[in-house]
């Protein structure tokens, strides 16, 4: 089970607490990968690439959401969509 933050909102050691909460799951993933035949380095490299891909996805999603918000605002204002 993953530990919850010690309190709501931001606090000085929140990032450390998050890392500590994630550590058992991370180790379990790496161990499962090793048992399946992957090396520890391959598993860590794959996790880094998954994180990078997730970052790109989040940025693209934010860009699309911003574009949609602009289009909705223009429609509400009665202005035509730019070409």
N, C-alpha and C. Protein backbone atom coordinates (compact mmCIF):
# COMPACT_ATOMS: atom_id res chain seq x y z
N UNK A 1 0.84 -1.18 0.00
CA UNK A 1 0.00 0.00 0.00
C UNK A 1 0.89 1.25 0.00
N UNK A 2 0.47 2.25 -0.72
CA UNK A 2 1.24 3.49 -0.83
C UNK A 2 0.82 4.45 0.27
N UNK A 3 1.81 5.00 0.96
CA UNK A 3 1.55 5.96 2.02
C UNK A 3 1.01 7.26 1.44
N UNK A 4 0.12 7.89 2.20
CA UNK A 4 -0.42 9.19 1.81
C UNK A 4 0.55 10.29 2.27
N UNK A 5 0.42 11.50 1.71
CA UNK A 5 1.24 12.61 2.22
C UNK A 5 0.94 12.83 3.70
N UNK A 6 1.93 13.33 4.42
CA UNK A 6 1.76 13.55 5.86
C UNK A 6 0.69 14.60 6.17
N UNK A 7 0.53 15.53 5.23
CA UNK A 7 -0.53 16.54 5.38
C UNK A 7 -0.87 17.09 4.01
N UNK A 8 -2.00 17.77 3.91
CA UNK A 8 -2.45 18.35 2.65
C UNK A 8 -1.59 19.56 2.28
N UNK A 9 -1.53 19.82 0.99
CA UNK A 9 -0.80 20.99 0.51
C UNK A 9 0.70 20.76 0.51
N UNK A 10 1.41 21.84 0.21
CA UNK A 10 2.87 21.78 0.10
C UNK A 10 3.50 21.86 1.48
N UNK A 11 4.58 21.12 1.69
CA UNK A 11 5.36 21.21 2.92
C UNK A 11 6.80 20.83 2.58
N UNK A 12 7.77 21.19 3.42
CA UNK A 12 9.19 21.05 3.06
C UNK A 12 9.63 19.67 2.58
N UNK A 13 9.21 18.60 3.21
CA UNK A 13 9.69 17.27 2.82
C UNK A 13 8.70 16.47 1.99
N UNK A 14 7.76 17.14 1.36
CA UNK A 14 6.72 16.43 0.61
C UNK A 14 7.33 15.57 -0.51
N UNK A 15 8.31 16.10 -1.24
CA UNK A 15 8.91 15.33 -2.33
C UNK A 15 9.65 14.10 -1.80
N UNK A 16 10.34 14.25 -0.69
CA UNK A 16 11.02 13.11 -0.07
C UNK A 16 10.00 12.07 0.37
N UNK A 17 8.90 12.53 0.98
CA UNK A 17 7.85 11.61 1.40
C UNK A 17 7.27 10.86 0.20
N UNK A 18 7.10 11.55 -0.92
CA UNK A 18 6.59 10.92 -2.13
C UNK A 18 7.56 9.84 -2.62
N UNK A 19 8.84 10.15 -2.61
CA UNK A 19 9.84 9.17 -3.03
C UNK A 19 9.83 7.95 -2.11
N UNK A 20 9.72 8.19 -0.81
CA UNK A 20 9.68 7.08 0.14
C UNK A 20 8.43 6.23 -0.06
N UNK A 21 7.31 6.86 -0.38
CA UNK A 21 6.07 6.13 -0.62
C UNK A 21 6.16 5.30 -1.89
N UNK A 22 6.90 5.80 -2.87
CA UNK A 22 7.02 5.13 -4.16
C UNK A 22 8.08 4.02 -4.16
N UNK A 23 9.03 4.09 -3.28
CA UNK A 23 10.17 3.17 -3.29
C UNK A 23 9.79 1.69 -3.30
N UNK A 24 8.89 1.22 -2.44
CA UNK A 24 8.57 -0.22 -2.48
C UNK A 24 7.97 -0.65 -3.82
N UNK A 25 7.11 0.17 -4.40
CA UNK A 25 6.53 -0.16 -5.70
C UNK A 25 7.57 -0.16 -6.80
N UNK A 26 8.48 0.80 -6.74
CA UNK A 26 9.56 0.87 -7.72
C UNK A 26 10.41 -0.39 -7.65
N UNK A 27 10.81 -0.76 -6.44
CA UNK A 27 11.63 -1.96 -6.28
C UNK A 27 10.89 -3.21 -6.75
N UNK A 28 9.58 -3.27 -6.49
CA UNK A 28 8.78 -4.42 -6.93
C UNK A 28 8.75 -4.50 -8.45
N UNK A 29 8.59 -3.35 -9.13
CA UNK A 29 8.58 -3.33 -10.59
C UNK A 29 9.92 -3.82 -11.12
N UNK A 30 11.01 -3.30 -10.57
CA UNK A 30 12.34 -3.68 -11.04
C UNK A 30 12.56 -5.18 -10.81
N UNK A 31 12.18 -5.67 -9.65
CA UNK A 31 12.36 -7.10 -9.36
C UNK A 31 11.54 -7.98 -10.31
N UNK A 32 10.31 -7.56 -10.61
CA UNK A 32 9.48 -8.32 -11.56
C UNK A 32 10.12 -8.33 -12.95
N UNK A 33 10.69 -7.21 -13.34
CA UNK A 33 11.36 -7.13 -14.65
C UNK A 33 12.56 -8.07 -14.69
N UNK A 34 13.34 -8.09 -13.61
CA UNK A 34 14.52 -8.96 -13.54
C UNK A 34 14.09 -10.42 -13.58
N UNK A 35 13.04 -10.76 -12.84
CA UNK A 35 12.53 -12.14 -12.85
C UNK A 35 12.05 -12.55 -14.24
N UNK A 36 11.56 -11.57 -15.01
CA UNK A 36 11.08 -11.86 -16.36
C UNK A 36 12.23 -11.98 -17.37
N UNK A 37 13.44 -11.63 -16.95
CA UNK A 37 14.59 -11.79 -17.84
C UNK A 37 15.26 -10.50 -18.27
N UNK A 38 14.75 -9.35 -17.85
CA UNK A 38 15.37 -8.07 -18.17
C UNK A 38 16.45 -7.76 -17.14
N UNK A 39 17.41 -6.94 -17.53
CA UNK A 39 18.43 -6.52 -16.56
C UNK A 39 17.90 -5.32 -15.77
N UNK A 40 18.53 -5.08 -14.63
CA UNK A 40 18.16 -3.92 -13.81
C UNK A 40 18.33 -2.63 -14.62
N UNK A 41 19.41 -2.52 -15.36
CA UNK A 41 19.64 -1.31 -16.16
C UNK A 41 18.60 -1.15 -17.26
N UNK A 42 18.21 -2.24 -17.90
CA UNK A 42 17.15 -2.16 -18.92
C UNK A 42 15.84 -1.69 -18.30
N UNK A 43 15.52 -2.22 -17.13
CA UNK A 43 14.29 -1.82 -16.46
C UNK A 43 14.33 -0.34 -16.08
N UNK A 44 15.44 0.11 -15.54
CA UNK A 44 15.57 1.53 -15.14
C UNK A 44 15.51 2.44 -16.36
N UNK A 45 16.18 2.03 -17.44
CA UNK A 45 16.16 2.82 -18.67
C UNK A 45 14.73 2.90 -19.23
N UNK A 46 14.02 1.78 -19.21
CA UNK A 46 12.65 1.77 -19.70
C UNK A 46 11.76 2.67 -18.85
N UNK A 47 11.94 2.65 -17.54
CA UNK A 47 11.15 3.53 -16.66
C UNK A 47 11.44 5.00 -16.95
N UNK A 48 12.71 5.32 -17.17
CA UNK A 48 13.06 6.71 -17.51
C UNK A 48 12.38 7.14 -18.81
N UNK A 49 12.36 6.24 -19.79
CA UNK A 49 11.73 6.56 -21.07
C UNK A 49 10.22 6.68 -20.93
N UNK A 50 9.62 5.86 -20.08
CA UNK A 50 8.19 5.99 -19.82
C UNK A 50 7.86 7.33 -19.17
N UNK A 51 8.72 7.76 -18.25
CA UNK A 51 8.52 9.06 -17.61
C UNK A 51 8.64 10.17 -18.64
N UNK A 52 9.65 10.08 -19.50
CA UNK A 52 9.82 11.10 -20.55
C UNK A 52 8.62 11.12 -21.49
N UNK A 53 8.13 9.95 -21.87
CA UNK A 53 6.97 9.89 -22.76
C UNK A 53 5.74 10.47 -22.08
N UNK A 54 5.59 10.20 -20.79
CA UNK A 54 4.46 10.76 -20.05
C UNK A 54 4.56 12.29 -20.00
N UNK A 55 5.76 12.82 -19.83
CA UNK A 55 5.95 14.28 -19.83
C UNK A 55 5.52 14.88 -21.16
N UNK A 56 5.91 14.26 -22.26
CA UNK A 56 5.53 14.75 -23.58
C UNK A 56 4.01 14.70 -23.74
N UNK A 57 3.42 13.60 -23.32
CA UNK A 57 1.96 13.45 -23.41
C UNK A 57 1.25 14.54 -22.61
N UNK A 58 1.72 14.80 -21.40
CA UNK A 58 1.10 15.82 -20.55
C UNK A 58 1.22 17.21 -21.19
N UNK A 59 2.36 17.51 -21.78
CA UNK A 59 2.54 18.80 -22.46
C UNK A 59 1.61 18.93 -23.66
N UNK A 60 1.51 17.86 -24.44
CA UNK A 60 0.62 17.89 -25.61
C UNK A 60 -0.83 18.03 -25.18
N UNK A 61 -1.22 17.31 -24.13
CA UNK A 61 -2.59 17.43 -23.63
C UNK A 61 -2.89 18.84 -23.16
N UNK A 62 -1.94 19.46 -22.47
CA UNK A 62 -2.13 20.83 -22.00
C UNK A 62 -2.27 21.79 -23.18
N UNK A 63 -1.49 21.57 -24.23
CA UNK A 63 -1.56 22.42 -25.42
C UNK A 63 -2.93 22.29 -26.08
N UNK A 64 -3.43 21.07 -26.23
CA UNK A 64 -4.74 20.86 -26.84
C UNK A 64 -5.83 21.49 -25.97
N UNK A 65 -5.74 21.31 -24.66
CA UNK A 65 -6.74 21.90 -23.76
C UNK A 65 -6.75 23.43 -23.88
N UNK A 66 -5.57 24.03 -23.99
CA UNK A 66 -5.49 25.49 -24.14
C UNK A 66 -6.11 25.93 -25.46
N UNK A 67 -5.82 25.20 -26.53
CA UNK A 67 -6.40 25.54 -27.84
C UNK A 67 -7.92 25.42 -27.81
N UNK A 68 -8.42 24.36 -27.16
CA UNK A 68 -9.87 24.19 -27.06
C UNK A 68 -10.51 25.31 -26.23
N UNK A 69 -9.85 25.71 -25.17
CA UNK A 69 -10.37 26.80 -24.33
C UNK A 69 -10.45 28.10 -25.12
N UNK A 70 -9.44 28.37 -25.95
CA UNK A 70 -9.45 29.58 -26.78
C UNK A 70 -10.60 29.51 -27.78
N UNK A 71 -10.77 28.35 -28.42
CA UNK A 71 -11.86 28.21 -29.40
C UNK A 71 -13.22 28.37 -28.73
N UNK A 72 -13.40 27.78 -27.55
CA UNK A 72 -14.67 27.93 -26.84
C UNK A 72 -14.94 29.39 -26.48
N UNK A 73 -13.91 30.08 -26.04
CA UNK A 73 -14.06 31.49 -25.67
C UNK A 73 -14.43 32.33 -26.89
N UNK A 74 -13.81 32.03 -28.02
CA UNK A 74 -14.13 32.77 -29.25
C UNK A 74 -15.56 32.51 -29.70
N UNK A 75 -16.01 31.27 -29.57
CA UNK A 75 -17.40 30.93 -29.93
C UNK A 75 -18.35 31.68 -29.02
N UNK A 76 -18.09 31.69 -27.71
CA UNK A 76 -18.95 32.42 -26.77
C UNK A 76 -18.96 33.91 -27.06
N UNK A 77 -17.85 34.43 -27.56
CA UNK A 77 -17.75 35.86 -27.86
C UNK A 77 -18.35 36.17 -29.24
N UNK A 78 -18.75 35.14 -29.96
CA UNK A 78 -19.35 35.33 -31.29
C UNK A 78 -18.37 35.67 -32.36
N UNK A 79 -17.11 35.32 -32.14
CA UNK A 79 -16.09 35.60 -33.14
C UNK A 79 -15.80 34.32 -33.91
N UNK A 80 -15.60 34.43 -35.21
CA UNK A 80 -15.32 33.22 -36.00
C UNK A 80 -13.96 32.64 -35.66
N UNK A 81 -13.85 31.36 -35.88
CA UNK A 81 -12.60 30.64 -35.66
C UNK A 81 -11.57 31.10 -36.69
N UNK A 82 -10.34 31.42 -36.26
CA UNK A 82 -9.31 31.81 -37.23
C UNK A 82 -8.90 30.62 -38.09
N UNK A 83 -8.49 30.93 -39.31
CA UNK A 83 -8.07 29.89 -40.26
C UNK A 83 -6.67 29.42 -39.99
